[in-house]
Amino acid sequence: MNLQALAIVLERQGYLASCYTCGGQMNSASFMVSLGDNHLIRFLVSDYGITWTEMRDDRELMKLEGAEAISQLQELANLVKYKVEPSMVLPKLA
């Protein structure tokens, strides 16, 4: 999955999204998307692992690691792929 492409598609749908890679070999990345109403999702990939963090009003609602984090990111990508608004589904997960 290409995090940069996911960020671009979400931006085209009106969400604030960003993706950054770090390191000469791009071995770490940070992906964030704002779903509105102070609802933020952050997906991090680094040497220390993979995490998915969902926050609202600066409070952590859910934090997943490893395969669970990747699964949740895939869920977001599927919502975008099938043109379902993420903000309609993701709040129900928290």
PDB file of N, CA and C in Angstrom:
ATOM      1  N   MET A   1       0.844  -1.165   0.000  1.00  0.00           N
ATOM      2  CA  MET A   1       0.000   0.000   0.000  1.00  0.00           C
ATOM      3  C   MET A   1       0.894   1.235   0.000  1.00  0.00           C
ATOM      4  N   ASN A   2       0.538   2.213  -0.782  1.00  0.00           N
ATOM      5  CA  ASN A   2       1.299   3.442  -0.879  1.00  0.00           C
ATOM      6  C   ASN A   2       0.629   4.508  -0.016  1.00  0.00           C
ATOM      7  N   LEU A   3       1.287   4.880   1.075  1.00  0.00           N
ATOM      8  CA  LEU A   3       0.720   5.867   1.994  1.00  0.00           C
ATOM      9  C   LEU A   3       0.580   7.228   1.341  1.00  0.00           C
ATOM     10  N   GLN A   4       1.531   7.594   0.493  1.00  0.00           N
ATOM     11  CA  GLN A   4       1.459   8.894  -0.186  1.00  0.00           C
ATOM     12  C   GLN A   4       0.232   8.944  -1.092  1.00  0.00           C
ATOM     13  N   ALA A   5      -0.036   7.867  -1.812  1.00  0.00           N
ATOM     14  CA  ALA A   5      -1.208   7.825  -2.690  1.00  0.00           C
ATOM     15  C   ALA A   5      -2.496   7.915  -1.875  1.00  0.00           C
ATOM     16  N   LEU A   6      -2.539   7.246  -0.736  1.00  0.00           N
ATOM     17  CA  LEU A   6      -3.720   7.307   0.125  1.00  0.00           C
ATOM     18  C   LEU A   6      -3.947   8.736   0.611  1.00  0.00           C
ATOM     19  N   ALA A   7      -2.882   9.417   0.994  1.00  0.00           N
ATOM     20  CA  ALA A   7      -3.001  10.810   1.439  1.00  0.00           C
ATOM     21  C   ALA A   7      -3.525  11.700   0.318  1.00  0.00           C
ATOM     22  N   ILE A   8      -3.032  11.493  -0.888  1.00  0.00           N
ATOM     23  CA  ILE A   8      -3.476  12.304  -2.028  1.00  0.00           C
ATOM     24  C   ILE A   8      -4.954  12.083  -2.315  1.00  0.00           C
ATOM     25  N   VAL A   9      -5.392  10.828  -2.312  1.00  0.00           N
ATOM     26  CA  VAL A   9      -6.805  10.521  -2.574  1.00  0.00           C
ATOM     27  C   VAL A   9      -7.695  11.133  -1.496  1.00  0.00           C
ATOM     28  N   LEU A  10      -7.281  11.022  -0.237  1.00  0.00           N
ATOM     29  CA  LEU A  10      -8.068  11.615   0.846  1.00  0.00           C
ATOM     30  C   LEU A  10      -8.131  13.128   0.714  1.00  0.00           C
ATOM     31  N   GLU A  11      -7.033  13.761   0.320  1.00  0.00           N
ATOM     32  CA  GLU A  11      -7.040  15.212   0.111  1.00  0.00           C
ATOM     33  C   GLU A  11      -8.004  15.594  -0.992  1.00  0.00           C
ATOM     34  N   ARG A  12      -8.038  14.817  -2.047  1.00  0.00           N
ATOM     35  CA  ARG A  12      -8.957  15.088  -3.167  1.00  0.00           C
ATOM     36  C   ARG A  12     -10.414  14.949  -2.731  1.00  0.00           C
ATOM     37  N   GLN A  13     -10.646  14.169  -1.682  1.00  0.00           N
ATOM     38  CA  GLN A  13     -12.002  14.012  -1.165  1.00  0.00           C
ATOM     39  C   GLN A  13     -12.320  15.044  -0.092  1.00  0.00           C
ATOM     40  N   GLY A  14     -11.392  15.974   0.157  1.00  0.00           N
ATOM     41  CA  GLY A  14     -11.654  17.066   1.066  1.00  0.00           C
ATOM     42  C   GLY A  14     -11.122  16.910   2.480  1.00  0.00           C
ATOM     43  N   TYR A  15     -10.335  15.886   2.736  1.00  0.00           N
ATOM     44  CA  TYR A  15      -9.760  15.685   4.066  1.00  0.00           C
ATOM     45  C   TYR A  15      -8.351  16.273   4.101  1.00  0.00           C
ATOM     46  N   LEU A  16      -7.928  16.738   5.258  1.00  0.00           N
ATOM     47  CA  LEU A  16      -6.550  17.165   5.445  1.00  0.00           C
ATOM     48  C   LEU A  16      -5.725  15.921   5.716  1.00  0.00           C
ATOM     49  N   ALA A  17      -4.767  15.642   4.850  1.00  0.00           N
ATOM     50  CA  ALA A  17      -3.960  14.426   4.988  1.00  0.00           C
ATOM     51  C   ALA A  17      -2.520  14.726   4.618  1.00  0.00           C
ATOM     52  N   SER A  18      -1.603  13.984   5.234  1.00  0.00           N
ATOM     53  CA  SER A  18      -0.196  14.160   4.906  1.00  0.00           C
ATOM     54  C   SER A  18       0.533  12.842   5.079  1.00  0.00           C
ATOM     55  N   CYS A  19       1.651  12.731   4.388  1.00  0.00           N
ATOM     56  CA  CYS A  19       2.494  11.554   4.491  1.00  0.00           C
ATOM     57  C   CYS A  19       3.936  12.000   4.343  1.00  0.00           C
ATOM     58  N   TYR A  20       4.759  11.575   5.285  1.00  0.00           N
ATOM     59  CA  TYR A  20       6.176  11.917   5.257  1.00  0.00           C
ATOM     60  C   TYR A  20       6.994  10.641   5.382  1.00  0.00           C
ATOM     61  N   THR A  21       8.093  10.594   4.653  1.00  0.00           N
ATOM     62  CA  THR A  21       9.029   9.486   4.811  1.00  0.00           C
ATOM     63  C   THR A  21      10.334  10.041   5.351  1.00  0.00           C
ATOM     64  N   CYS A  22      11.042   9.216   6.087  1.00  0.00           N
ATOM     65  CA  CYS A  22      12.292   9.649   6.720  1.00  0.00           C
ATOM     66  C   CYS A  22      13.402   8.666   6.395  1.00  0.00           C
ATOM     67  N   GLY A  23      14.590   9.156   6.394  1.00  0.00           N
ATOM     68  CA  GLY A  23      15.746   8.290   6.170  1.00  0.00           C
ATOM     69  C   GLY A  23      16.101   8.200   4.705  1.00  0.00           C
ATOM     70  N   GLY A  24      17.366   7.926   4.444  1.00  0.00           N
ATOM     71  CA  GLY A  24      17.848   7.825   3.074  1.00  0.00           C
ATOM     72  C   GLY A  24      17.217   6.694   2.294  1.00  0.00           C
ATOM     73  N   GLN A  25      16.835   5.642   2.985  1.00  0.00           N
ATOM     74  CA  GLN A  25      16.221   4.499   2.316  1.00  0.00           C
ATOM     75  C   GLN A  25      14.711   4.466   2.534  1.00  0.00           C
ATOM     76  N   MET A  26      14.165   5.570   3.043  1.00  0.00           N
ATOM     77  CA  MET A  26      12.727   5.700   3.308  1.00  0.00           C
ATOM     78  C   MET A  26      12.212   4.510   4.106  1.00  0.00           C
ATOM     79  N   ASN A  27      12.879   4.197   5.216  1.00  0.00           N
ATOM     80  CA  ASN A  27      12.497   3.049   6.021  1.00  0.00           C
ATOM     81  C   ASN A  27      11.544   3.405   7.158  1.00  0.00           C
ATOM     82  N   SER A  28      11.127   4.662   7.234  1.00  0.00           N
ATOM     83  CA  SER A  28      10.108   5.035   8.205  1.00  0.00           C
ATOM     84  C   SER A  28       9.169   6.051   7.571  1.00  0.00           C
ATOM     85  N   ALA A  29       7.934   6.062   8.055  1.00  0.00           N
ATOM     86  CA  ALA A  29       6.932   6.954   7.476  1.00  0.00           C
ATOM     87  C   ALA A  29       5.918   7.365   8.528  1.00  0.00           C
ATOM     88  N   SER A  30       5.334   8.533   8.288  1.00  0.00           N
ATOM     89  CA  SER A  30       4.263   9.044   9.134  1.00  0.00           C
ATOM     90  C   SER A  30       3.115   9.451   8.225  1.00  0.00           C
ATOM     91  N   PHE A  31       1.940   8.929   8.498  1.00  0.00           N
ATOM     92  CA  PHE A  31       0.732   9.247   7.730  1.00  0.00           C
ATOM     93  C   PHE A  31      -0.295   9.794   8.709  1.00  0.00           C
ATOM     94  N   MET A  32      -0.885  10.936   8.383  1.00  0.00           N
ATOM     95  CA  MET A  32      -1.924  11.502   9.246  1.00  0.00           C
ATOM     96  C   MET A  32      -3.070  11.998   8.391  1.00  0.00           C
ATOM     97  N   VAL A  33      -4.279  11.868   8.946  1.00  0.00           N
ATOM     98  CA  VAL A  33      -5.464  12.398   8.283  1.00  0.00           C
ATOM     99  C   VAL A  33      -6.416  12.939   9.346  1.00  0.00           C
ATOM    100  N   SER A  34      -6.973  14.100   9.054  1.00  0.00           N
ATOM    101  CA  SER A  34      -7.974  14.699   9.930  1.00  0.00           C
ATOM    102  C   SER A  34      -9.348  14.415   9.336  1.00  0.00           C
ATOM    103  N   LEU A  35     -10.202  13.803  10.133  1.00  0.00           N
ATOM    104  CA  LEU A  35     -11.550  13.479   9.671  1.00  0.00           C
ATOM    105  C   LEU A  35     -12.553  14.548  10.101  1.00  0.00           C
ATOM    106  N   GLY A  36     -12.053  15.666  10.635  1.00  0.00           N
ATOM    107  CA  GLY A  36     -12.912  16.761  11.074  1.00  0.00           C
ATOM    108  C   GLY A  36     -13.292  16.615  12.529  1.00  0.00           C
ATOM    109  N   ASP A  37     -13.882  17.666  13.083  1.00  0.00           N
ATOM    110  CA  ASP A  37     -14.323  17.671  14.481  1.00  0.00           C
ATOM    111  C   ASP A  37     -13.235  17.183  15.435  1.00  0.00           C
ATOM    112  N   ASN A  38     -12.001  17.654  15.234  1.00  0.00           N
ATOM    113  CA  ASN A  38     -10.864  17.278  16.078  1.00  0.00           C
ATOM    114  C   ASN A  38     -10.636  15.770  16.129  1.00  0.00           C
ATOM    115  N   HIS A  39     -10.916  15.079  15.034  1.00  0.00           N
ATOM    116  CA  HIS A  39     -10.750  13.637  14.915  1.00  0.00           C
ATOM    117  C   HIS A  39      -9.552  13.376  14.007  1.00  0.00           C
ATOM    118  N   LEU A  40      -8.497  12.783  14.558  1.00  0.00           N
ATOM    119  CA  LEU A  40      -7.245  12.601  13.844  1.00  0.00           C
ATOM    120  C   LEU A  40      -6.808  11.145  13.885  1.00  0.00           C
ATOM    121  N   ILE A  41      -6.254  10.689  12.767  1.00  0.00           N
ATOM    122  CA  ILE A  41      -5.684   9.352  12.689  1.00  0.00           C
ATOM    123  C   ILE A  41      -4.220   9.500  12.313  1.00  0.00           C
ATOM    124  N   ARG A  42      -3.363   8.759  13.027  1.00  0.00           N
ATOM    125  CA  ARG A  42      -1.924   8.778  12.745  1.00  0.00           C
ATOM    126  C   ARG A  42      -1.456   7.333  12.599  1.00  0.00           C
ATOM    127  N   PHE A  43      -0.738   7.075  11.517  1.00  0.00           N
ATOM    128  CA  PHE A  43      -0.173   5.753  11.252  1.00  0.00           C
ATOM    129  C   PHE A  43       1.330   5.945  11.127  1.00  0.00           C
ATOM    130  N   LEU A  44       2.100   5.265  11.966  1.00  0.00           N
ATOM    131  CA  LEU A  44       3.555   5.405  11.967  1.00  0.00           C
ATOM    132  C   LEU A  44       4.227   4.076  11.668  1.00  0.00           C
ATOM    133  N   VAL A  45       5.233   4.133  10.826  1.00  0.00           N
ATOM    134  CA  VAL A  45       6.069   2.973  10.531  1.00  0.00           C
ATOM    135  C   VAL A  45       7.504   3.386  10.841  1.00  0.00           C
ATOM    136  N   SER A  46       8.165   2.633  11.703  1.00  0.00           N
ATOM    137  CA  SER A  46       9.552   2.961  12.053  1.00  0.00           C
ATOM    138  C   SER A  46      10.297   1.683  12.432  1.00  0.00           C
ATOM    139  N   ASP A  47      11.547   1.864  12.789  1.00  0.00           N
ATOM    140  CA  ASP A  47      12.354   0.732  13.249  1.00  0.00           C
ATOM    141  C   ASP A  47      11.783   0.131  14.525  1.00  0.00           C
ATOM    142  N   TYR A  48      10.976   0.896  15.236  1.00  0.00           N
ATOM    143  CA  TYR A  48      10.413   0.450  16.517  1.00  0.00           C
ATOM    144  C   TYR A  48       9.082  -0.269  16.360  1.00  0.00           C
ATOM    145  N   GLY A  49       8.528  -0.264  15.152  1.00  0.00           N
ATOM    146  CA  GLY A  49       7.277  -0.962  14.909  1.00  0.00           C
ATOM    147  C   GLY A  49       6.293  -0.136  14.101  1.00  0.00           C
ATOM    148  N   ILE A  50       5.075  -0.620  14.065  1.00  0.00           N
ATOM    149  CA  ILE A  50       3.997   0.002  13.304  1.00  0.00           C
ATOM    150  C   ILE A  50       2.865   0.294  14.273  1.00  0.00           C
ATOM    151  N   THR A  51       2.352   1.528  14.236  1.00  0.00           N
ATOM    152  CA  THR A  51       1.241   1.880  15.128  1.00  0.00           C
ATOM    153  C   THR A  51       0.167   2.665  14.386  1.00  0.00           C
ATOM    154  N   TRP A  52      -1.045   2.475  14.825  1.00  0.00           N
ATOM    155  CA  TRP A  52      -2.223   3.220  14.370  1.00  0.00           C
ATOM    156  C   TRP A  52      -2.795   3.866  15.618  1.00  0.00           C
ATOM    157  N   THR A  53      -2.917   5.181  15.613  1.00  0.00           N
ATOM    158  CA  THR A  53      -3.476   5.894  16.752  1.00  0.00           C
ATOM    159  C   THR A  53      -4.616   6.760  16.266  1.00  0.00           C
ATOM    160  N   GLU A  54      -5.755   6.646  16.921  1.00  0.00           N
ATOM    161  CA  GLU A  54      -6.915   7.456  16.590  1.00  0.00           C
ATOM    162  C   GLU A  54      -7.207   8.353  17.785  1.00  0.00           C
ATOM    163  N   MET A  55      -7.335   9.648  17.521  1.00  0.00           N
ATOM    164  CA  MET A  55      -7.533  10.623  18.589  1.00  0.00           C
ATOM    165  C   MET A  55      -8.710  11.543  18.272  1.00  0.00           C
ATOM    166  N   ARG A  56      -9.345  11.999  19.328  1.00  0.00           N
ATOM    167  CA  ARG A  56     -10.393  13.014  19.210  1.00  0.00           C
ATOM    168  C   ARG A  56     -10.209  13.967  20.376  1.00  0.00           C
ATOM    169  N   ASP A  57     -10.233  15.266  20.062  1.00  0.00           N
ATOM    170  CA  ASP A  57     -10.032  16.302  21.080  1.00  0.00           C
ATOM    171  C   ASP A  57      -8.755  16.057  21.875  1.00  0.00           C
ATOM    172  N   ASP A  58      -7.685  15.690  21.175  1.00  0.00           N
ATOM    173  CA  ASP A  58      -6.364  15.427  21.773  1.00  0.00           C
ATOM    174  C   ASP A  58      -6.358  14.280  22.770  1.00  0.00           C
ATOM    175  N   ARG A  59      -7.352  13.416  22.733  1.00  0.00           N
ATOM    176  CA  ARG A  59      -7.389  12.224  23.595  1.00  0.00           C
ATOM    177  C   ARG A  59      -7.313  10.985  22.725  1.00  0.00           C
ATOM    178  N   GLU A  60      -6.503  10.061  23.169  1.00  0.00           N
ATOM    179  CA  GLU A  60      -6.339   8.825  22.430  1.00  0.00           C
ATOM    180  C   GLU A  60      -7.575   7.952  22.588  1.00  0.00           C
ATOM    181  N   LEU A  61      -8.182   7.596  21.458  1.00  0.00           N
ATOM    182  CA  LEU A  61      -9.355   6.720  21.471  1.00  0.00           C
ATOM    183  C   LEU A  61      -8.951   5.261  21.296  1.00  0.00           C
ATOM    184  N   MET A  62      -7.962   5.055  20.419  1.00  0.00           N
ATOM    185  CA  MET A  62      -7.571   3.687  20.097  1.00  0.00           C
ATOM    186  C   MET A  62      -6.126   3.691  19.625  1.00  0.00           C
ATOM    187  N   LYS A  63      -5.370   2.706  20.071  1.00  0.00           N
ATOM    188  CA  LYS A  63      -3.997   2.535  19.595  1.00  0.00           C
ATOM    189  C   LYS A  63      -3.786   1.059  19.290  1.00  0.00           C
ATOM    190  N   LEU A  64      -3.377   0.795  18.061  1.00  0.00           N
ATOM    191  CA  LEU A  64      -3.134  -0.564  17.615  1.00  0.00           C
ATOM    192  C   LEU A  64      -1.697  -0.674  17.147  1.00  0.00           C
ATOM    193  N   GLU A  65      -1.153  -1.873  17.237  1.00  0.00           N
ATOM    194  CA  GLU A  65       0.225  -2.093  16.818  1.00  0.00           C
ATOM    195  C   GLU A  65       0.317  -3.289  15.886  1.00  0.00           C
ATOM    196  N   GLY A  66       1.376  -3.309  15.094  1.00  0.00           N
ATOM    197  CA  GLY A  66       1.665  -4.447  14.233  1.00  0.00           C
ATOM    198  C   GLY A  66       0.583  -4.756  13.219  1.00  0.00           C
ATOM    199  N   ALA A  67       0.222  -6.030  13.149  1.00  0.00           N
ATOM    200  CA  ALA A  67      -0.749  -6.494  12.159  1.00  0.00           C
ATOM    201  C   ALA A  67      -2.111  -5.822  12.330  1.00  0.00           C
ATOM    202  N   GLU A  68      -2.509  -5.539  13.575  1.00  0.00           N
ATOM    203  CA  GLU A  68      -3.789  -4.858  13.809  1.00  0.00           C
ATOM    204  C   GLU A  68      -3.771  -3.448  13.228  1.00  0.00           C
ATOM    205  N   ALA A  69      -2.637  -2.751  13.354  1.00  0.00           N
ATOM    206  CA  ALA A  69      -2.500  -1.405  12.802  1.00  0.00           C
ATOM    207  C   ALA A  69      -2.577  -1.446  11.280  1.00  0.00           C
ATOM    208  N   ILE A  70      -1.903  -2.416  10.684  1.00  0.00           N
ATOM    209  CA  ILE A  70      -1.932  -2.557   9.225  1.00  0.00           C
ATOM    210  C   ILE A  70      -3.340  -2.880   8.753  1.00  0.00           C
ATOM    211  N   SER A  71      -4.034  -3.733   9.474  1.00  0.00           N
ATOM    212  CA  SER A  71      -5.411  -4.083   9.131  1.00  0.00           C
ATOM    213  C   SER A  71      -6.324  -2.860   9.164  1.00  0.00           C
ATOM    214  N   GLN A  72      -6.146  -2.018  10.164  1.00  0.00           N
ATOM    215  CA  GLN A  72      -6.976  -0.815  10.283  1.00  0.00           C
ATOM    216  C   GLN A  72      -6.676   0.159   9.136  1.00  0.00           C
ATOM    217  N   LEU A  73      -5.398   0.274   8.757  1.00  0.00           N
ATOM    218  CA  LEU A  73      -5.035   1.116   7.622  1.00  0.00           C
ATOM    219  C   LEU A  73      -5.647   0.571   6.339  1.00  0.00           C
ATOM    220  N   GLN A  74      -5.640  -0.750   6.192  1.00  0.00           N
ATOM    221  CA  GLN A  74      -6.260  -1.368   5.013  1.00  0.00           C
ATOM    222  C   GLN A  74      -7.752  -1.074   4.980  1.00  0.00           C
ATOM    223  N   GLU A  75      -8.384  -1.074   6.146  1.00  0.00           N
ATOM    224  CA  GLU A  75      -9.806  -0.731   6.241  1.00  0.00           C
ATOM    225  C   GLU A  75     -10.047   0.690   5.730  1.00  0.00           C
ATOM    226  N   LEU A  76      -9.188   1.624   6.134  1.00  0.00           N
ATOM    227  CA  LEU A  76      -9.305   3.000   5.659  1.00  0.00           C
ATOM    228  C   LEU A  76      -9.117   3.061   4.148  1.00  0.00           C
ATOM    229  N   ALA A  77      -8.119   2.346   3.633  1.00  0.00           N
ATOM    230  CA  ALA A  77      -7.879   2.326   2.192  1.00  0.00           C
ATOM    231  C   ALA A  77      -9.075   1.746   1.439  1.00  0.00           C
ATOM    232  N   ASN A  78      -9.693   0.701   1.986  1.00  0.00           N
ATOM    233  CA  ASN A  78     -10.884   0.123   1.351  1.00  0.00           C
ATOM    234  C   ASN A  78     -12.041   1.095   1.343  1.00  0.00           C
ATOM    235  N   LEU A  79     -12.218   1.855   2.422  1.00  0.00           N
ATOM    236  CA  LEU A  79     -13.286   2.853   2.470  1.00  0.00           C
ATOM    237  C   LEU A  79     -13.094   3.890   1.372  1.00  0.00           C
ATOM    238  N   VAL A  80     -11.849   4.305   1.180  1.00  0.00           N
ATOM    239  CA  VAL A  80     -11.540   5.276   0.134  1.00  0.00           C
ATOM    240  C   VAL A  80     -11.747   4.651  -1.235  1.00  0.00           C
ATOM    241  N   LYS A  81     -11.286   3.428  -1.388  1.00  0.00           N
ATOM    242  CA  LYS A  81     -11.400   2.725  -2.670  1.00  0.00           C
ATOM    243  C   LYS A  81     -12.851   2.575  -3.107  1.00  0.00           C
ATOM    244  N   TYR A  82     -13.717   2.264  -2.148  1.00  0.00           N
ATOM    245  CA  TYR A  82     -15.129   2.056  -2.473  1.00  0.00           C
ATOM    246  C   TYR A  82     -15.974   3.296  -2.238  1.00  0.00           C
ATOM    247  N   LYS A  83     -15.279   4.445  -2.041  1.00  0.00           N
ATOM    248  CA  LYS A  83     -15.904   5.757  -1.931  1.00  0.00           C
ATOM    249  C   LYS A  83     -16.909   5.874  -0.787  1.00  0.00           C
ATOM    250  N   VAL A  84     -16.595   5.236   0.327  1.00  0.00           N
ATOM    251  CA  VAL A  84     -17.368   5.398   1.551  1.00  0.00           C
ATOM    252  C   VAL A  84     -16.671   6.479   2.350  1.00  0.00           C
ATOM    253  N   GLU A  85     -17.410   7.421   2.913  1.00  0.00           N
ATOM    254  CA  GLU A  85     -16.786   8.486   3.682  1.00  0.00           C
ATOM    255  C   GLU A  85     -16.215   7.915   4.976  1.00  0.00           C
ATOM    256  N   PRO A  86     -14.892   8.046   5.201  1.00  0.00           N
ATOM    257  CA  PRO A  86     -14.276   7.498   6.406  1.00  0.00           C
ATOM    258  C   PRO A  86     -14.923   8.022   7.684  1.00  0.00           C
ATOM    259  N   SER A  87     -15.325   9.266   7.700  1.00  0.00           N
ATOM    260  CA  SER A  87     -15.902   9.848   8.914  1.00  0.00           C
ATOM    261  C   SER A  87     -17.238   9.199   9.280  1.00  0.00           C
ATOM    262  N   MET A  88     -17.882   8.508   8.333  1.00  0.00           N
ATOM    263  CA  MET A  88     -19.155   7.838   8.605  1.00  0.00           C
ATOM    264  C   MET A  88     -18.938   6.498   9.286  1.00  0.00           C
ATOM    265  N   VAL A  89     -17.778   5.879   9.097  1.00  0.00           N
ATOM    266  CA  VAL A  89     -17.529   4.544   9.604  1.00  0.00           C
ATOM    267  C   VAL A  89     -16.547   4.537  10.778  1.00  0.00           C
ATOM    268  N   LEU A  90     -15.446   5.243  10.658  1.00  0.00           N
ATOM    269  CA  LEU A  90     -14.389   5.168  11.663  1.00  0.00           C
ATOM    270  C   LEU A  90     -14.823   5.587  13.066  1.00  0.00           C
ATOM    271  N   PRO A  91     -15.673   6.614  13.251  1.00  0.00           N
ATOM    272  CA  PRO A  91     -16.074   6.925  14.629  1.00  0.00           C
ATOM    273  C   PRO A  91     -16.762   5.758  15.309  1.00  0.00           C
ATOM    274  N   LYS A  92     -17.409   4.889  14.558  1.00  0.00           N
ATOM    275  CA  LYS A  92     -18.091   3.734  15.138  1.00  0.00           C
ATOM    276  C   LYS A  92     -17.092   2.722  15.662  1.00  0.00           C
ATOM    277  N   LEU A  93     -15.866   2.746  15.136  1.00  0.00           N
ATOM    278  CA  LEU A  93     -14.843   1.802  15.560  1.00  0.00           C
ATOM    279  C   LEU A  93     -14.273   2.167  16.915  1.00  0.00           C
ATOM    280  N   ALA A  94     -14.344   3.430  17.286  1.00  0.00           N
ATOM    281  CA  ALA A  94     -13.713   3.890  18.526  1.00  0.00           C
ATOM    282  C   ALA A  94     -14.588   3.750  19.695  1.00  0.00           C
TER     283      ALA A  94
END
